[in-house]
Amino acid sequence: MVRRTNARKDQCDQIDGLQTKGVNVTTRIALVTGGTGGIGTAICKRLIKTGSRVVAGYLPAEEEVALEWKHATNDAGFDVELAAGDVTCYHSSESMVRQVEQRFGRMDILVNCAGITADQTLRKMEPHQWEQVIDTNLNGIFNVTRHVVEGMAGRNFGRIVNISSVNGQKGQFGQTNYSAAKAGVHGFTMALAQEVAGRGVTVNSVSPGYIDTQMTRAIPEEIRESMVAQIPVGRMGQPRDIALAVTFLCGEEAGYITGANLAVNGGIYMS
């Protein structure tokens, strides 16, 4: 579980510069918020493989970890850049977006992947646990997308993919905050898709089920086994499963798909 404190407000305007080597004007420019996480990393790598120039967003307070991640990712053969920004802060999100645009000239793809959990039953949930999750997982999508969508519409091309969750569709015990935020992502996606459909901009969401990440590996083995037992395909998903879905929706040929939610959950919830 990731904790957020009031210190983030003091970091609101701390944005790191981007160091790039230039970009071909025909290359799609992508920003992946939360790009240094498990699923975010897989999305960044897949987008790079398909020819995009990718910038991974990270929280300013996590700069040292982000730089280590960048070096390791670069060493693995993936030329990825970094941009610091707190998605819970409107002005920090704007600065992050503007720096990407100043460096590359535009932004073609936005993947809103930043997210946290703060699980607790509602009877015991504190206001800060509710606010932290809503601020990051729902308000964060507004804060970043608000500064991207106008440019995309003006250029008559854009791909926006919002990472939601199966728990935003079916709910989950102890996750009223997370489930509410992720359900809100669906509504945001469908509404914005209608606003920009005529301008060549698509807006879709991807809803992962149980994914094999560092967070789920920390769950006791017996609980993990019970989770897998509920999944019809008989296994947890891999981050690459989500990355493949995201990359598909970001592609040139996905222009007739908008306002959709792509469930990637192994059949644990079907609708």
Protein backbone atom coordinates (compact mmCIF):
# COMPACT_ATOMS: atom_id res chain seq x y z
CA MET A 1 0.00 0.00 0.00
CA VAL A 2 1.36 3.41 -0.96
CA ARG A 3 0.97 6.20 1.55
CA ARG A 4 0.49 9.85 0.69
CA THR A 5 0.98 12.70 3.17
CA ASN A 6 0.40 16.41 3.21
CA ALA A 7 4.04 16.80 2.14
CA ARG A 8 2.91 16.17 -1.43
CA LYS A 9 1.41 19.68 -1.45
CA ASP A 10 4.88 21.09 -0.84
CA GLN A 11 6.13 19.06 -3.82
CA CYS A 12 3.35 20.29 -6.06
CA ASP A 13 5.57 22.38 -8.31
CA GLN A 14 8.71 20.22 -8.19
CA ILE A 15 9.06 19.03 -11.77
CA ASP A 16 12.20 17.47 -13.19
CA GLY A 17 13.37 18.42 -16.67
CA LEU A 18 13.41 15.85 -19.46
CA GLN A 19 16.62 14.80 -21.15
CA THR A 20 16.00 13.53 -24.64
CA LYS A 21 17.86 12.92 -27.87
CA GLY A 22 15.25 14.38 -30.21
CA VAL A 23 12.35 12.65 -31.90
CA ASN A 24 11.11 12.05 -35.41
CA VAL A 25 7.95 14.00 -36.14
CA THR A 26 6.23 10.80 -37.28
CA THR A 27 6.90 9.08 -33.95
CA ARG A 28 3.99 8.97 -31.52
CA ILE A 29 4.75 10.67 -28.20
CA ALA A 30 3.35 8.90 -25.14
CA LEU A 31 3.12 9.82 -21.47
CA VAL A 32 2.45 6.99 -19.02
CA THR A 33 1.63 8.23 -15.52
CA GLY A 34 2.75 5.80 -12.85
CA GLY A 35 5.08 4.50 -15.53
CA THR A 36 7.71 3.21 -13.12
CA GLY A 37 5.33 0.74 -11.44
CA GLY A 38 4.88 -2.90 -12.36
CA ILE A 39 2.07 -2.49 -14.86
CA GLY A 40 3.36 0.94 -15.92
CA THR A 41 6.77 -0.52 -16.76
CA ALA A 42 5.22 -3.18 -18.98
CA ILE A 43 3.14 -0.53 -20.77
CA CYS A 44 6.19 1.70 -21.33
CA LYS A 45 8.21 -1.17 -22.78
CA ARG A 46 5.42 -2.35 -25.06
CA LEU A 47 4.76 1.15 -26.39
CA ILE A 48 8.47 1.53 -27.12
CA LYS A 49 8.47 -1.80 -28.96
CA THR A 50 5.65 -0.56 -31.16
CA GLY A 51 7.58 2.58 -32.09
CA SER A 52 6.42 5.26 -29.66
CA ARG A 53 8.68 7.65 -27.78
CA VAL A 54 7.72 7.15 -24.16
CA VAL A 55 7.92 9.35 -21.06
CA ALA A 56 7.21 7.72 -17.70
CA GLY A 57 5.61 9.89 -15.03
CA TYR A 58 6.63 9.49 -11.40
CA LEU A 59 6.02 11.16 -8.06
CA PRO A 60 8.62 13.90 -7.33
CA ALA A 61 9.38 12.44 -3.89
CA GLU A 62 10.42 9.16 -5.55
CA GLU A 63 13.09 10.68 -7.81
CA GLU A 64 15.93 8.44 -6.65
CA VAL A 65 13.93 5.28 -7.26
CA ALA A 66 12.74 6.61 -10.61
CA LEU A 67 16.29 7.34 -11.77
CA GLU A 68 17.39 3.82 -10.82
CA TRP A 69 14.41 2.47 -12.75
CA LYS A 70 15.29 4.57 -15.78
CA HIS A 71 18.89 3.35 -15.83
CA ALA A 72 17.82 -0.27 -15.50
CA THR A 73 15.18 0.14 -18.21
CA ASN A 74 17.63 1.88 -20.54
CA ASP A 75 20.23 -0.83 -19.90
CA ALA A 76 17.62 -3.41 -20.91
CA GLY A 77 17.36 -1.70 -24.30
CA PHE A 78 14.35 0.54 -23.76
CA ASP A 79 14.96 4.25 -24.40
CA VAL A 80 12.51 5.78 -21.94
CA GLU A 81 12.45 9.27 -20.44
CA LEU A 82 11.17 10.54 -17.08
CA ALA A 83 8.91 13.38 -16.00
CA ALA A 84 8.08 14.15 -12.38
CA GLY A 85 4.57 15.16 -11.45
CA ASP A 86 2.07 14.63 -8.66
CA VAL A 87 -1.16 13.65 -10.38
CA THR A 88 -3.13 14.70 -7.31
CA CYS A 89 -2.02 18.29 -7.95
CA TYR A 90 -3.59 20.14 -10.89
CA HIS A 91 -0.66 22.53 -11.39
CA SER A 92 1.99 19.84 -11.01
CA SER A 93 0.17 17.77 -13.62
CA GLU A 94 0.08 20.76 -15.95
CA SER A 95 3.81 21.36 -15.55
CA MET A 96 4.55 17.72 -16.29
CA VAL A 97 2.48 17.79 -19.48
CA ARG A 98 3.90 21.12 -20.66
CA GLN A 99 7.48 19.94 -20.26
CA VAL A 100 6.78 16.86 -22.37
CA GLU A 101 5.17 19.05 -25.02
CA GLN A 102 8.02 21.57 -24.96
CA ARG A 103 10.57 18.81 -25.40
CA PHE A 104 8.77 16.81 -28.08
CA GLY A 105 6.38 19.36 -29.56
CA ARG A 106 3.19 17.52 -28.75
CA MET A 107 1.64 14.54 -26.98
CA ASP A 108 -0.22 11.87 -28.93
CA ILE A 109 -0.85 9.17 -26.33
CA LEU A 110 -1.77 9.42 -22.67
CA VAL A 111 -2.00 6.37 -20.44
CA ASN A 112 -3.36 7.22 -16.98
CA CYS A 113 -1.82 4.43 -14.93
CA ALA A 114 -0.95 6.11 -11.62
CA GLY A 115 -2.88 4.57 -8.75
CA ILE A 116 -2.74 3.58 -5.09
CA THR A 117 -4.72 1.52 -2.61
CA ALA A 118 -5.58 2.17 1.02
CA ASP A 119 -7.79 -0.78 1.90
CA GLN A 120 -10.11 -0.73 4.90
CA THR A 121 -13.73 -1.54 5.59
CA LEU A 122 -15.89 1.57 5.51
CA ARG A 123 -16.67 1.27 9.22
CA LYS A 124 -12.98 1.75 9.98
CA MET A 125 -11.92 3.91 7.03
CA GLU A 126 -10.46 7.29 7.91
CA PRO A 127 -11.18 10.36 5.75
CA HIS A 128 -7.56 10.56 4.61
CA GLN A 129 -7.74 6.97 3.29
CA TRP A 130 -10.76 7.86 1.21
CA GLU A 131 -9.30 11.16 0.00
CA GLN A 132 -5.89 9.74 -0.93
CA VAL A 133 -7.37 7.06 -3.17
CA ILE A 134 -9.95 9.33 -4.80
CA ASP A 135 -7.35 12.07 -5.33
CA THR A 136 -4.89 9.75 -7.05
CA ASN A 137 -7.08 7.26 -8.88
CA LEU A 138 -9.88 9.55 -10.06
CA ASN A 139 -8.97 13.20 -9.62
CA GLY A 140 -5.53 12.41 -11.02
CA ILE A 141 -7.06 11.37 -14.32
CA PHE A 142 -8.82 14.73 -14.59
CA ASN A 143 -5.71 16.65 -13.55
CA VAL A 144 -3.54 15.16 -16.29
CA THR A 145 -6.08 14.66 -19.07
CA ARG A 146 -7.38 18.22 -18.74
CA HIS A 147 -4.02 19.52 -19.97
CA VAL A 148 -3.67 17.01 -22.80
CA VAL A 149 -7.03 16.76 -24.50
CA GLU A 150 -7.18 20.21 -26.10
CA GLY A 151 -3.91 19.72 -27.95
CA MET A 152 -4.96 16.31 -29.17
CA ALA A 153 -8.29 17.63 -30.44
CA GLY A 154 -6.54 20.52 -32.17
CA ARG A 155 -4.26 18.08 -34.04
CA ASN A 156 -7.16 15.71 -34.81
CA PHE A 157 -5.41 12.73 -33.25
CA GLY A 158 -5.10 11.32 -29.77
CA ARG A 159 -5.25 8.13 -27.77
CA ILE A 160 -6.22 8.24 -24.10
CA VAL A 161 -6.32 5.02 -22.11
CA ASN A 162 -7.35 5.03 -18.46
CA ILE A 163 -6.38 2.10 -16.25
CA SER A 164 -9.41 1.10 -14.19
CA SER A 165 -9.99 -2.21 -12.39
CA VAL A 166 -12.30 -5.19 -12.26
CA ASN A 167 -13.20 -3.94 -8.78
CA GLY A 168 -14.63 -0.81 -10.35
CA GLN A 169 -17.10 -3.13 -12.09
CA LYS A 170 -17.98 -5.61 -9.36
CA GLY A 171 -16.83 -3.91 -6.15
CA GLN A 172 -14.55 -5.48 -3.55
CA PHE A 173 -14.74 -6.00 0.20
CA GLY A 174 -12.63 -3.42 2.00
CA GLN A 175 -12.25 -1.23 -1.08
CA THR A 176 -15.13 1.22 -1.12
CA ASN A 177 -12.64 4.01 -1.87
CA TYR A 178 -10.80 2.12 -4.63
CA SER A 179 -13.95 0.64 -6.17
CA ALA A 180 -15.66 4.03 -6.21
CA ALA A 181 -12.66 5.68 -7.86
CA LYS A 182 -12.29 2.98 -10.50
CA ALA A 183 -16.02 3.01 -11.25
CA GLY A 184 -15.69 6.76 -11.72
CA VAL A 185 -12.97 6.13 -14.28
CA HIS A 186 -15.53 4.32 -16.45
CA GLY A 187 -17.93 7.25 -16.34
CA PHE A 188 -15.17 9.74 -17.07
CA THR A 189 -14.01 7.64 -20.02
CA MET A 190 -17.42 7.33 -21.64
CA ALA A 191 -18.28 11.02 -21.20
CA LEU A 192 -14.99 12.35 -22.53
CA ALA A 193 -15.10 9.91 -25.44
CA GLN A 194 -18.32 11.55 -26.60
CA GLU A 195 -16.81 15.03 -26.36
CA VAL A 196 -13.81 14.35 -28.59
CA ALA A 197 -14.92 11.50 -30.86
CA GLY A 198 -15.33 13.84 -33.82
CA ARG A 199 -11.77 15.16 -33.45
CA GLY A 200 -9.87 11.92 -33.99
CA VAL A 201 -9.32 11.36 -30.26
CA THR A 202 -10.32 8.05 -28.69
CA VAL A 203 -10.80 7.53 -24.96
CA ASN A 204 -10.98 4.02 -23.54
CA SER A 205 -10.33 2.17 -20.31
CA VAL A 206 -8.67 -1.13 -19.45
CA SER A 207 -9.80 -3.01 -16.35
CA PRO A 208 -7.20 -5.45 -15.02
CA GLY A 209 -8.16 -8.34 -12.79
CA TYR A 210 -5.68 -9.94 -10.42
CA ILE A 211 -2.21 -9.23 -11.83
CA ASP A 212 1.09 -10.78 -10.74
CA THR A 213 2.95 -7.74 -9.43
CA GLN A 214 5.12 -6.95 -6.44
CA MET A 215 2.01 -5.99 -4.50
CA THR A 216 0.18 -9.29 -5.10
CA ARG A 217 3.35 -11.32 -4.47
CA ALA A 218 3.39 -9.86 -0.95
CA ILE A 219 0.02 -11.49 -0.24
CA PRO A 220 0.28 -14.73 1.82
CA GLU A 221 0.50 -17.80 -0.39
CA GLU A 222 -2.75 -19.37 0.83
CA ILE A 223 -4.67 -16.20 0.00
CA ARG A 224 -3.02 -16.00 -3.42
CA GLU A 225 -4.07 -19.57 -4.10
CA SER A 226 -7.67 -18.78 -3.14
CA MET A 227 -7.59 -15.79 -5.49
CA VAL A 228 -6.31 -17.89 -8.38
CA ALA A 229 -8.98 -20.51 -7.68
CA GLN A 230 -11.62 -17.89 -8.56
CA ILE A 231 -10.10 -17.12 -11.97
CA PRO A 232 -11.54 -19.26 -14.80
CA VAL A 233 -8.28 -19.28 -16.79
CA GLY A 234 -6.51 -20.63 -13.71
CA ARG A 235 -3.75 -18.06 -13.26
CA MET A 236 -3.06 -14.46 -12.38
CA GLY A 237 -2.52 -12.07 -15.22
CA GLN A 238 0.91 -10.73 -16.11
CA PRO A 239 1.69 -7.02 -16.54
CA ARG A 240 2.33 -7.72 -20.22
CA ASP A 241 -1.32 -8.82 -20.57
CA ILE A 242 -2.39 -5.31 -19.62
CA ALA A 243 0.32 -3.73 -21.75
CA LEU A 244 -0.86 -5.61 -24.84
CA ALA A 245 -4.42 -4.36 -24.33
CA VAL A 246 -3.28 -0.78 -23.79
CA THR A 247 -1.01 -0.83 -26.84
CA PHE A 248 -3.82 -2.16 -28.99
CA LEU A 249 -6.09 0.73 -27.97
CA CYS A 250 -3.27 3.22 -28.60
CA GLY A 251 -2.69 1.96 -32.12
CA GLU A 252 -3.38 3.80 -35.36
CA GLU A 253 -5.93 1.20 -36.39
CA ALA A 254 -8.00 1.45 -33.19
CA GLY A 255 -9.65 4.70 -34.25
CA TYR A 256 -13.15 3.20 -34.34
CA ILE A 257 -12.99 2.05 -30.70
CA THR A 258 -13.89 4.72 -28.17
CA GLY A 259 -15.79 4.91 -24.91
CA ALA A 260 -15.08 1.21 -24.40
CA ASN A 261 -13.81 -0.72 -21.41
CA LEU A 262 -11.54 -3.66 -22.18
CA ALA A 263 -11.64 -6.20 -19.37
CA VAL A 264 -8.41 -8.15 -18.89
CA ASN A 265 -9.27 -10.33 -15.94
CA GLY A 266 -9.06 -13.99 -16.92
CA GLY A 267 -12.84 -14.28 -16.80
CA ILE A 268 -13.24 -13.50 -13.10
CA TYR A 269 -15.93 -10.97 -14.02
CA MET A 270 -17.83 -11.09 -17.28
CA SER A 271 -20.24 -8.47 -18.55
